[in-house]
């Protein structure tokens, strides 16, 4: 049991701390998104985005030229208890410190931000169905 826990912790560390700019990412359960659901109509067009459930504070899904990306709404500033919001369809903003992040790749856009936003893996499993999972 201890070996499994150690291996799991090591894999999680490798997946979320690899570039020095990312934070410790929360674990997201296997989340399925059906793009036929009217709630996700905005995701059907390139550069469209939607909020979704998942993770500790929810996710932001983004259609990047018909390839989907998913980011945590948890602020990389771990002292913040608020969810990040999308502004101008191009960036995620943490309401606690006004740090801004690219909606394209989660990278910091201003000096208030020092770590990247956690990204989740999006797998297209069928026509109009996406699974969001940890990397």
Protein backbone atom coordinates (compact mmCIF):
# COMPACT_ATOMS: atom_id res chain seq x y z
CA UNK A 1 0.00 0.00 0.00
CA UNK A 2 2.81 2.41 0.90
CA UNK A 3 4.56 1.63 -2.40
CA UNK A 4 1.39 2.42 -4.36
CA UNK A 5 0.91 5.69 -2.50
CA UNK A 6 4.54 6.66 -3.09
CA UNK A 7 4.30 5.80 -6.80
CA UNK A 8 1.05 7.75 -7.17
CA UNK A 9 2.59 10.80 -5.44
CA UNK A 10 5.67 10.62 -7.66
CA UNK A 11 3.56 10.42 -10.85
CA UNK A 12 1.39 13.32 -9.70
CA UNK A 13 4.54 15.34 -8.94
CA UNK A 14 5.97 14.66 -12.40
CA UNK A 15 2.74 15.59 -14.14
CA UNK A 16 2.21 18.89 -12.35
CA UNK A 17 5.62 20.23 -11.40
CA UNK A 18 7.59 19.62 -14.57
CA UNK A 19 8.33 23.14 -15.80
CA UNK A 20 8.92 25.07 -12.58
CA UNK A 21 6.02 27.41 -13.37
CA UNK A 22 3.13 25.10 -12.64
CA UNK A 23 1.45 24.54 -9.33
CA UNK A 24 0.43 21.35 -7.56
CA UNK A 25 -2.70 20.41 -9.50
CA UNK A 26 -5.85 19.02 -7.99
CA UNK A 27 -7.14 15.64 -9.10
CA UNK A 28 -10.12 15.66 -11.39
CA UNK A 29 -12.34 12.64 -11.70
CA UNK A 30 -13.19 11.38 -15.16
CA UNK A 31 -15.64 14.05 -16.31
CA UNK A 32 -17.73 13.59 -19.46
CA UNK A 33 -18.96 16.55 -21.48
CA UNK A 34 -21.66 16.09 -24.10
CA UNK A 35 -21.34 18.89 -26.64
CA UNK A 36 -24.97 18.32 -27.69
CA UNK A 37 -26.01 19.75 -24.30
CA UNK A 38 -27.18 23.35 -24.96
CA UNK A 39 -25.06 24.47 -22.00
CA UNK A 40 -21.97 23.83 -24.14
CA UNK A 41 -23.12 25.42 -27.44
CA UNK A 42 -20.33 28.00 -27.21
CA UNK A 43 -17.75 25.19 -27.46
CA UNK A 44 -18.95 24.26 -30.93
CA UNK A 45 -17.11 27.17 -32.54
CA UNK A 46 -13.35 27.82 -32.58
CA UNK A 47 -12.30 30.17 -29.76
CA UNK A 48 -15.51 29.36 -27.87
CA UNK A 49 -15.32 28.56 -24.16
CA UNK A 50 -17.52 27.38 -21.29
CA UNK A 51 -17.31 26.85 -17.57
CA UNK A 52 -17.88 23.27 -16.41
CA UNK A 53 -17.87 21.28 -13.18
CA UNK A 54 -14.82 19.28 -12.17
CA UNK A 55 -11.82 19.70 -9.90
CA UNK A 56 -12.11 21.68 -6.70
CA UNK A 57 -13.33 24.96 -8.23
CA UNK A 58 -14.55 23.91 -11.67
CA UNK A 59 -12.94 24.06 -15.09
CA UNK A 60 -12.83 26.26 -18.16
CA UNK A 61 -13.10 24.45 -21.49
CA UNK A 62 -11.71 26.12 -24.60
CA UNK A 63 -12.11 25.22 -28.28
CA UNK A 64 -8.68 25.79 -29.81
CA UNK A 65 -9.33 25.27 -33.55
CA UNK A 66 -11.54 22.22 -32.85
CA UNK A 67 -9.03 20.80 -30.38
CA UNK A 68 -10.22 21.20 -26.80
CA UNK A 69 -8.28 22.37 -23.74
CA UNK A 70 -9.40 22.32 -20.09
CA UNK A 71 -8.00 24.43 -17.26
CA UNK A 72 -8.73 24.53 -13.55
CA UNK A 73 -10.55 27.61 -12.25
CA UNK A 74 -8.46 27.35 -9.09
CA UNK A 75 -6.14 30.34 -8.78
CA UNK A 76 -2.45 29.41 -8.75
CA UNK A 77 -2.26 31.79 -5.76
CA UNK A 78 -3.19 29.12 -3.23
CA UNK A 79 -4.32 31.74 -0.69
CA UNK A 80 -7.29 32.59 -2.92
CA UNK A 81 -10.63 30.93 -2.29
CA UNK A 82 -12.38 32.43 -5.33
CA UNK A 83 -12.80 30.92 -8.79
CA UNK A 84 -10.95 32.43 -11.72
CA UNK A 85 -13.09 34.08 -14.38
CA UNK A 86 -12.70 34.46 -18.12
CA UNK A 87 -12.29 38.05 -19.33
CA UNK A 88 -12.47 39.25 -22.94
CA UNK A 89 -12.63 35.62 -24.14
CA UNK A 90 -8.82 35.53 -24.04
CA UNK A 91 -7.60 35.28 -20.47
CA UNK A 92 -8.32 33.80 -17.06
CA UNK A 93 -8.16 36.28 -14.17
CA UNK A 94 -7.75 35.52 -10.48
CA UNK A 95 -10.03 37.93 -8.56
CA UNK A 96 -7.78 37.83 -5.46
CA UNK A 97 -4.62 39.32 -6.99
CA UNK A 98 -5.66 40.28 -10.56
CA UNK A 99 -3.14 37.81 -11.97
CA UNK A 100 -3.88 37.04 -15.61
CA UNK A 101 -3.32 33.81 -17.53
CA UNK A 102 -3.64 32.85 -21.18
CA UNK A 103 -6.77 30.86 -22.01
CA UNK A 104 -4.72 29.18 -24.77
CA UNK A 105 -2.10 27.51 -22.58
CA UNK A 106 -2.55 28.67 -18.97
CA UNK A 107 0.71 30.65 -18.92
CA UNK A 108 1.07 33.82 -16.83
CA UNK A 109 0.41 37.12 -18.64
CA UNK A 110 1.44 39.70 -16.03
CA UNK A 111 3.86 40.18 -13.15
CA UNK A 112 1.25 39.27 -10.53
CA UNK A 113 1.28 35.71 -11.89
CA UNK A 114 4.28 33.48 -11.32
CA UNK A 115 2.83 30.00 -11.87
CA UNK A 116 0.80 28.53 -14.71
CA UNK A 117 -2.80 27.41 -14.37
CA UNK A 118 -3.36 23.67 -14.01
CA UNK A 119 -4.39 22.02 -17.25
CA UNK A 120 -6.35 18.82 -17.61
CA UNK A 121 -6.26 16.38 -20.51
CA UNK A 122 -9.22 16.40 -22.90
CA UNK A 123 -9.90 13.20 -24.84
CA UNK A 124 -12.50 13.07 -27.60
CA UNK A 125 -14.22 9.72 -27.11
CA UNK A 126 -16.94 9.94 -29.70
CA UNK A 127 -18.92 12.28 -31.82
CA UNK A 128 -19.59 15.26 -29.56
CA UNK A 129 -18.33 13.65 -26.35
CA UNK A 130 -15.27 14.75 -24.37
CA UNK A 131 -13.64 13.20 -21.31
CA UNK A 132 -11.63 15.46 -19.02
CA UNK A 133 -8.97 13.67 -16.96
CA UNK A 134 -5.65 14.38 -15.28
CA UNK A 135 -2.51 14.24 -17.42
